[in-house]
Protein backbone atom coordinates (compact mmCIF):
# COMPACT_ATOMS: atom_id res chain seq x y z
CA UNK A 1 42.27 120.84 -7.11
CA UNK A 2 45.26 123.48 -6.83
CA UNK A 3 48.26 122.98 -8.80
CA UNK A 4 51.58 122.41 -6.90
CA UNK A 5 52.86 126.00 -8.00
CA UNK A 6 49.64 127.65 -6.58
CA UNK A 7 49.77 125.38 -3.35
CA UNK A 8 53.36 126.37 -3.03
CA UNK A 9 52.75 130.23 -3.50
CA UNK A 10 49.52 130.03 -1.00
CA UNK A 11 50.95 127.80 2.01
CA UNK A 12 54.80 127.77 1.95
CA UNK A 13 56.96 130.72 3.61
CA UNK A 14 58.49 132.37 0.36
CA UNK A 15 62.12 132.23 1.43
CA UNK A 16 63.23 130.94 -1.64
CA UNK A 17 62.89 132.49 -5.18
CA UNK A 18 62.05 129.37 -7.13
CA UNK A 19 62.52 129.04 -10.95
CA UNK A 20 59.40 128.32 -12.73
CA UNK A 21 59.97 124.56 -12.80
CA UNK A 22 57.78 121.81 -10.93
CA UNK A 23 60.31 118.61 -11.03
CA UNK A 24 58.20 115.37 -10.45
CA UNK A 25 60.40 112.65 -11.33
CA UNK A 26 64.55 111.87 -12.28
CA UNK A 27 66.76 109.12 -13.11
CA UNK A 28 70.55 109.87 -12.85
CA UNK A 29 71.56 113.05 -14.65
CA UNK A 30 68.10 113.69 -16.27
CA UNK A 31 65.00 115.35 -14.29
CA UNK A 32 61.47 115.72 -15.62
CA UNK A 33 58.65 118.13 -14.99
CA UNK A 34 55.03 117.84 -14.87
CA UNK A 35 54.77 118.19 -18.53
CA UNK A 36 57.37 115.50 -19.33
CA UNK A 37 60.27 118.15 -20.55
CA UNK A 38 63.45 116.69 -19.86
CA UNK A 39 66.69 118.48 -18.18
CA UNK A 40 70.15 117.71 -17.97
CA UNK A 41 70.79 118.41 -14.04
CA UNK A 42 73.52 120.39 -13.70
CA UNK A 43 72.79 121.29 -10.02
CA UNK A 44 72.51 118.15 -8.24
CA UNK A 45 70.30 119.52 -5.66
CA UNK A 46 73.24 122.00 -5.00
CA UNK A 47 75.92 119.54 -4.86
CA UNK A 48 73.70 117.08 -2.86
CA UNK A 49 72.51 114.40 -5.24
CA UNK A 50 75.86 112.96 -5.42
CA UNK A 51 74.82 110.18 -7.64
CA UNK A 52 72.09 111.51 -9.26
CA UNK A 53 68.49 111.07 -9.02
CA UNK A 54 67.27 107.65 -7.56
CA UNK A 55 70.67 105.97 -8.15
CA UNK A 56 69.65 102.12 -7.90
CA UNK A 57 72.28 101.15 -5.39
CA UNK A 58 71.35 104.12 -3.15
CA UNK A 59 67.48 103.28 -3.60
CA UNK A 60 67.99 99.65 -2.72
CA UNK A 61 70.20 100.64 0.58
CA UNK A 62 67.65 103.32 1.57
CA UNK A 63 64.58 100.73 1.15
CA UNK A 64 66.28 97.96 2.67
CA UNK A 65 67.01 100.20 5.86
CA UNK A 66 63.61 101.17 5.69
CA UNK A 67 62.14 97.80 6.13
CA UNK A 68 64.36 97.30 9.13
CA UNK A 69 63.95 100.58 11.44
CA UNK A 70 63.38 104.00 9.92
CA UNK A 71 64.83 106.00 13.14
CA UNK A 72 66.30 104.82 16.81
CA UNK A 73 67.27 106.89 19.61
CA UNK A 74 70.72 107.78 19.68
CA UNK A 75 70.58 106.22 23.48
CA UNK A 76 71.22 102.88 21.38
CA UNK A 77 73.34 101.72 18.70
CA UNK A 78 72.65 101.23 14.82
CA UNK A 79 74.35 99.53 12.38
CA UNK A 80 74.45 102.10 9.48
CA UNK A 81 75.53 105.10 11.76
CA UNK A 82 78.65 103.01 13.03
CA UNK A 83 79.39 101.58 9.35
CA UNK A 84 79.26 105.29 8.31
CA UNK A 85 81.73 106.65 11.07
CA UNK A 86 84.01 103.88 9.93
CA UNK A 87 84.01 104.60 6.34
CA UNK A 88 84.57 108.49 6.95
CA UNK A 89 87.50 107.72 9.32
CA UNK A 90 89.21 105.14 6.99
CA UNK A 91 88.51 107.78 4.10
CA UNK A 92 90.09 110.67 6.02
CA UNK A 93 91.99 109.41 8.56
CA UNK A 94 90.02 111.19 11.22
CA UNK A 95 89.35 109.58 14.25
CA UNK A 96 85.62 110.33 15.50
CA UNK A 97 82.81 111.38 13.77
CA UNK A 98 79.42 113.50 15.19
CA UNK A 99 76.38 112.98 13.31
CA UNK A 100 73.70 115.80 12.56
CA UNK A 101 71.51 116.49 9.72
CA UNK A 102 72.51 119.51 7.78
CA UNK A 103 75.66 121.66 7.05
CA UNK A 104 74.70 124.42 9.39
CA UNK A 105 74.35 122.02 12.16
CA UNK A 106 77.67 120.60 11.37
CA UNK A 107 79.26 123.80 11.63
CA UNK A 108 77.42 124.79 14.71
CA UNK A 109 79.07 121.64 15.99
CA UNK A 110 82.40 122.73 14.96
CA UNK A 111 81.99 125.92 16.60
CA UNK A 112 81.01 124.57 19.92
CA UNK A 113 84.21 122.42 19.68
CA UNK A 114 86.31 124.89 18.86
CA UNK A 115 85.15 127.07 22.29
CA UNK A 116 85.24 124.22 24.34
CA UNK A 117 88.95 122.88 23.16
CA UNK A 118 90.35 126.42 23.45
CA UNK A 119 88.53 127.06 27.22
CA UNK A 120 90.14 123.82 28.39
CA UNK A 121 93.58 124.10 26.52
CA UNK A 122 93.92 127.83 26.26
CA UNK A 123 91.58 129.91 28.59
CA UNK A 124 88.38 130.85 28.57
CA UNK A 125 88.83 134.19 27.22
CA UNK A 126 90.06 132.16 23.79
CA UNK A 127 86.93 132.08 21.96
CA UNK A 128 86.93 133.78 18.78
CA UNK A 129 86.36 131.58 15.45
CA UNK A 130 88.09 133.22 12.59
CA UNK A 131 86.54 132.91 9.13
CA UNK A 132 87.33 134.38 5.70
CA UNK A 133 85.48 137.39 4.10
CA UNK A 134 82.96 136.20 1.21
CA UNK A 135 82.65 132.87 2.90
CA UNK A 136 79.61 131.18 3.80
CA UNK A 137 78.86 128.74 6.56
CA UNK A 138 75.25 128.54 6.98
CA UNK A 139 71.89 130.15 8.40
CA UNK A 140 71.55 129.74 11.98
CA UNK A 141 72.33 132.49 14.12
CA UNK A 142 75.96 131.32 14.71
CA UNK A 143 76.91 130.16 11.57
CA UNK A 144 75.40 133.31 10.18
CA UNK A 145 77.97 135.17 12.29
CA UNK A 146 80.64 132.93 10.96
CA UNK A 147 79.59 133.98 7.06
CA UNK A 148 81.92 136.61 6.09
CA UNK A 149 79.15 138.37 3.74
CA UNK A 150 77.46 141.33 5.38
CA UNK A 151 74.53 140.78 3.05
CA UNK A 152 73.63 137.94 5.33
CA UNK A 153 73.86 139.84 8.27
CA UNK A 154 71.73 142.93 7.70
CA UNK A 155 68.16 141.73 8.50
CA UNK A 156 69.24 139.92 11.80
CA UNK A 157 71.57 142.34 13.76
CA UNK A 158 73.12 142.20 16.22
CA UNK A 159 75.20 139.18 14.81
CA UNK A 160 76.49 136.41 17.58
CA UNK A 161 79.75 137.69 18.71
CA UNK A 162 82.69 135.69 18.86
CA UNK A 163 83.74 135.80 14.98
CA UNK A 164 86.40 137.57 13.16
CA UNK A 165 86.79 137.95 9.65
CA UNK A 166 90.15 137.81 7.46
CA UNK A 167 90.67 138.56 3.65
CA UNK A 168 91.23 135.71 1.52
CA UNK A 169 94.93 135.10 0.37
CA UNK A 170 96.35 137.60 2.86
CA UNK A 171 98.27 135.83 5.36
CA UNK A 172 99.65 138.79 7.18
CA UNK A 173 96.02 139.99 7.70
CA UNK A 174 95.46 136.42 9.24
CA UNK A 175 98.25 136.73 11.51
CA UNK A 176 97.34 140.52 12.45
CA UNK A 177 93.85 139.09 13.60
CA UNK A 178 95.66 136.27 15.80
CA UNK A 179 97.78 138.95 17.14
CA UNK A 180 94.74 141.18 18.09
CA UNK A 181 92.34 138.71 19.28
CA UNK A 182 92.22 135.35 21.38
CA UNK A 183 91.56 133.04 18.96
CA UNK A 184 90.32 129.28 19.05
CA UNK A 185 90.08 128.14 15.66
CA UNK A 186 90.24 129.22 11.76
CA UNK A 187 86.89 127.86 9.71
CA UNK A 188 87.40 128.07 6.10
CA UNK A 189 86.62 126.77 2.75
CA UNK A 190 88.79 125.59 0.48
CA UNK A 191 86.67 126.76 -2.17
CA UNK A 192 84.03 129.28 -1.44
CA UNK A 193 80.75 127.94 -3.17
CA UNK A 194 78.14 130.59 -2.15
CA UNK A 195 80.72 133.16 -2.51
CA UNK A 196 80.78 132.76 -6.36
CA UNK A 197 83.00 129.45 -6.45
CA UNK A 198 86.14 131.07 -5.65
CA UNK A 199 89.03 128.64 -4.75
CA UNK A 200 91.68 129.51 -2.01
CA UNK A 201 95.28 128.77 -3.21
CA UNK A 202 97.32 125.93 -2.11
CA UNK A 203 100.16 128.19 -1.05
CA UNK A 204 97.76 130.20 1.13
CA UNK A 205 96.05 127.20 2.65
CA UNK A 206 99.38 125.76 3.57
CA UNK A 207 100.44 129.06 5.41
CA UNK A 208 97.13 129.20 7.26
CA UNK A 209 97.92 125.51 8.46
CA UNK A 210 101.37 126.47 9.33
CA UNK A 211 100.04 129.68 11.26
CA UNK A 212 97.31 127.83 13.02
CA UNK A 213 100.03 125.33 14.53
CA UNK A 214 102.41 128.31 15.38
CA UNK A 215 99.60 130.27 17.57
CA UNK A 216 97.78 126.82 18.44
CA UNK A 217 94.53 127.27 16.97
CA UNK A 218 92.59 124.93 15.48
CA UNK A 219 92.04 124.57 11.58
CA UNK A 220 88.67 123.84 10.91
CA UNK A 221 87.71 123.06 6.94
CA UNK A 222 84.03 123.70 5.96
CA UNK A 223 83.77 120.57 3.35
CA UNK A 224 79.69 120.89 3.26
CA UNK A 225 79.60 121.61 -0.48
CA UNK A 226 83.39 120.79 -1.22
CA UNK A 227 83.75 117.22 0.29
CA UNK A 228 82.43 113.48 -0.73
CA UNK A 229 84.36 113.74 -3.86
CA UNK A 230 82.90 116.93 -5.16
CA UNK A 231 86.34 118.56 -5.86
CA UNK A 232 87.84 115.43 -7.20
CA UNK A 233 89.38 114.41 -3.83
CA UNK A 234 87.24 112.59 -1.00
CA UNK A 235 87.68 115.96 0.79
CA UNK A 236 89.16 118.88 -0.99
CA UNK A 237 91.52 119.93 1.60
CA UNK A 238 93.31 116.47 0.95
CA UNK A 239 94.78 118.12 -2.63
CA UNK A 240 96.59 120.63 -0.58
CA UNK A 241 98.44 118.27 1.88
CA UNK A 242 97.23 120.21 4.99
CA UNK A 243 95.89 118.26 8.16
CA UNK A 244 92.87 119.88 9.87
CA UNK A 245 91.70 119.53 13.20
CA UNK A 246 88.16 119.70 12.35
CA UNK A 247 86.26 118.82 9.23
CA UNK A 248 82.29 119.61 8.63
CA UNK A 249 80.51 117.72 5.56
CA UNK A 250 76.97 117.47 4.71
CA UNK A 251 75.11 118.00 1.20
CA UNK A 252 76.62 115.06 -0.99
CA UNK A 253 77.19 113.03 1.94
CA UNK A 254 73.75 111.29 2.15
CA UNK A 255 73.12 111.46 -1.99
CA UNK A 256 69.90 113.30 -1.16
CA UNK A 257 68.94 112.49 2.39
CA UNK A 258 69.48 114.89 5.14
CA UNK A 259 72.73 113.94 6.78
CA UNK A 260 75.75 116.02 8.18
CA UNK A 261 79.18 114.75 9.72
CA UNK A 262 81.74 116.46 11.79
CA UNK A 263 85.09 114.71 11.49
CA UNK A 264 87.63 115.11 14.53
CA UNK A 265 91.43 114.64 14.67
CA UNK A 266 93.31 112.64 17.34
CA UNK A 267 93.59 116.48 18.84
CA UNK A 268 89.92 117.05 19.05
CA UNK A 269 88.59 113.57 19.32
CA UNK A 270 88.07 113.92 23.06
CA UNK A 271 86.32 117.21 23.23
CA UNK A 272 82.83 116.54 23.29
CA UNK A 273 81.62 114.22 26.12
CA UNK A 274 78.25 112.92 26.99
CA UNK A 275 75.84 115.60 27.53
CA UNK A 276 77.98 118.43 25.77
CA UNK A 277 76.23 118.08 22.18
CA UNK A 278 73.44 115.99 20.35
CA UNK A 279 71.07 115.65 17.71
CA UNK A 280 67.61 113.89 17.80
CA UNK A 281 67.87 112.78 14.20
CA UNK A 282 71.76 113.07 13.80
CA UNK A 283 72.82 109.29 12.40
CA UNK A 284 69.40 108.41 11.18
CA UNK A 285 69.51 104.91 10.20
CA UNK A 286 68.08 105.60 6.72
CA UNK A 287 70.14 108.72 5.88
CA UNK A 288 73.15 106.67 7.21
CA UNK A 289 72.49 103.67 4.82
CA UNK A 290 72.04 105.81 1.87
CA UNK A 291 75.42 107.76 3.02
CA UNK A 292 77.16 104.18 3.19
CA UNK A 293 75.98 103.52 -0.29
CA UNK A 294 77.44 106.89 -1.50
CA UNK A 295 80.78 106.98 0.57
CA UNK A 296 81.56 103.40 -0.11
CA UNK A 297 81.69 103.80 -3.80
CA UNK A 298 84.02 107.17 -3.88
CA UNK A 299 87.37 105.50 -4.56
CA UNK A 300 90.43 106.40 -6.28
CA UNK A 301 88.79 105.27 -9.86
CA UNK A 302 86.08 107.37 -9.47
CA UNK A 303 87.68 110.52 -8.00
CA UNK A 304 89.91 110.27 -11.19
CA UNK A 305 86.35 110.31 -13.26
CA UNK A 306 85.49 113.45 -11.50
CA UNK A 307 88.86 114.93 -12.21
CA UNK A 308 88.48 114.26 -16.06
CA UNK A 309 84.98 115.29 -15.99
CA UNK A 310 86.05 118.72 -14.58
CA UNK A 311 88.56 119.13 -17.23
CA UNK A 312 86.21 118.58 -20.14
CA UNK A 313 84.26 121.54 -18.21
CA UNK A 314 87.25 123.57 -18.10
CA UNK A 315 88.49 122.98 -21.56
CA UNK A 316 85.03 123.20 -23.15
CA UNK A 317 84.08 126.76 -21.61
CA UNK A 318 87.25 128.73 -20.94
CA UNK A 319 88.15 131.11 -23.53
CA UNK A 320 84.79 130.96 -25.34
CA UNK A 321 82.46 133.90 -26.78
CA UNK A 322 80.46 135.40 -23.67
CA UNK A 323 82.58 133.49 -21.39
CA UNK A 324 84.89 135.78 -19.01
CA UNK A 325 86.07 133.00 -16.81
CA UNK A 326 85.69 129.52 -15.24
CA UNK A 327 86.78 128.85 -11.84
CA UNK A 328 86.51 126.26 -9.13
CA UNK A 329 87.54 122.97 -8.82
CA UNK A 330 86.21 119.28 -9.38
CA UNK A 331 82.67 119.22 -10.40
CA UNK A 332 82.15 122.64 -8.36
CA UNK A 333 82.56 125.28 -11.21
CA UNK A 334 81.79 128.76 -11.38
CA UNK A 335 81.24 130.42 -14.82
CA UNK A 336 81.50 134.27 -15.32
CA UNK A 337 79.08 135.34 -18.30
CA UNK A 338 78.68 138.42 -19.88
CA UNK A 339 75.28 140.14 -19.01
CA UNK A 340 72.94 138.88 -16.04
CA UNK A 341 73.58 135.47 -14.72
CA UNK A 342 69.64 135.28 -13.88
CA UNK A 343 68.87 135.88 -17.58
CA UNK A 344 71.40 133.21 -18.48
CA UNK A 345 70.33 130.78 -15.85
CA UNK A 346 66.49 131.07 -17.40
CA UNK A 347 67.79 130.78 -20.70
CA UNK A 348 69.63 127.27 -19.85
CA UNK A 349 66.46 126.32 -18.26
CA UNK A 350 64.14 126.99 -21.13
CA UNK A 351 66.61 125.01 -23.37
CA UNK A 352 66.65 121.91 -20.76
CA UNK A 353 69.73 122.57 -18.49
CA UNK A 354 69.62 123.31 -15.16
CA UNK A 355 72.14 125.34 -13.82
CA UNK A 356 73.00 127.32 -10.70
CA UNK A 357 73.81 130.98 -9.49
CA UNK A 358 76.36 132.04 -7.01
CA UNK A 359 77.26 135.76 -6.44
CA UNK A 360 77.17 136.75 -9.90
CA UNK A 361 78.35 133.61 -11.13
CA UNK A 362 76.48 130.64 -12.94
CA UNK A 363 77.66 127.60 -10.69
CA UNK A 364 77.79 123.85 -12.03
CA UNK A 365 77.48 120.93 -9.71
CA UNK A 366 76.34 118.19 -11.54
CA UNK A 367 76.15 114.78 -10.43
CA UNK A 368 79.34 113.35 -9.81
CA UNK A 369 78.71 110.42 -12.26
CA UNK A 370 76.93 112.20 -14.87
CA UNK A 371 77.60 110.38 -18.19
CA UNK A 372 79.98 112.04 -20.60
CA UNK A 373 77.01 112.41 -23.13
CA UNK A 374 74.78 114.37 -21.12
CA UNK A 375 77.93 116.60 -19.95
CA UNK A 376 78.56 117.28 -23.48
CA UNK A 377 75.23 117.97 -24.19
CA UNK A 378 74.81 120.35 -21.35
CA UNK A 379 78.08 122.14 -22.17
CA UNK A 380 76.87 122.35 -25.91
CA UNK A 381 73.67 124.53 -24.92
CA UNK A 382 75.92 126.48 -22.00
CA UNK A 383 78.28 127.57 -24.60
CA UNK A 384 75.89 128.49 -27.37
CA UNK A 385 73.63 130.65 -24.95
CA UNK A 386 76.92 132.35 -23.80
CA UNK A 387 77.94 133.14 -27.59
CA UNK A 388 74.35 134.28 -28.21
CA UNK A 389 73.76 131.43 -30.97
CA UNK A 390 70.37 129.90 -31.61
CA UNK A 391 69.95 126.54 -30.30
């Protein structure tokens, strides 16, 4: 029988440049390949396995729901879906939730909401959504157009119309876009994850919020990667004391199962009505049960622990030999290293630490509950590799 890697190469479309690792099992922040080699997981499925692999509370919640009903049409009510919506609204102060399956789908829903809201409140010609250069919002045709990086556009031209791009940290430039175009909304990430883990400043985010209010433009925050405790707050925008009209999230929400959500403020809660949007698997009871087990545990003490682990990473890696800079917030961290990031990542894998890449930087996004001893172990490997020391 052919091995996994051979089967993959023969039958799976090669859209991913995979590393030479076959993960077969895991427990918490430790993963294992088919040879039994152990890895400290500093990627968490790209900020998705919030409580690591096979978290026992999460597993129990998912298994319990599997024994009841695995799927029900959205023509009916289900308990986990309603409970998760309640939790998300309680945690954020938002008023309504729409469930889907991924971050791209959540952003698609946000874009549709912005267009419908603007058509009803400003006029049908107000449909432009402004995003930031260097942003990433998904790989569907609309979210690809929303993504402010030409490299993602080049093979799929013409991009979907209705988007404009502003330079991050340039509030005068954003004002110019508002003056020149008929805008419905701004969609932005507080930390540009796929863009190299580049955080936007509090001053800029507050200025964007004020400008949106001045021009009656929706403020939509993409929390797909930054939400659900990843940046040390339940949603990253909360650190900056701004109040968005729409929030999108996914990744860490389900703890490893596919679930996305769009959260609406009082201003936007009534925009989507029966028949205007939908998702067959959105609000799937098994995925929502897993998400409830994640979200219910992200409280103040837990978020404080995330911020403490973040400080450990920044303190350990900053100003060390071979490390040119450390960026990000919470447990979404970008490390700029000397030399090629790809070679650095492969060296980490060889030494039993799984890290990620992001536009010229090494990205760290471990499970939010990674034990300190495993975090220390991973950081020691990263530090030694950066310095060119033998391990």
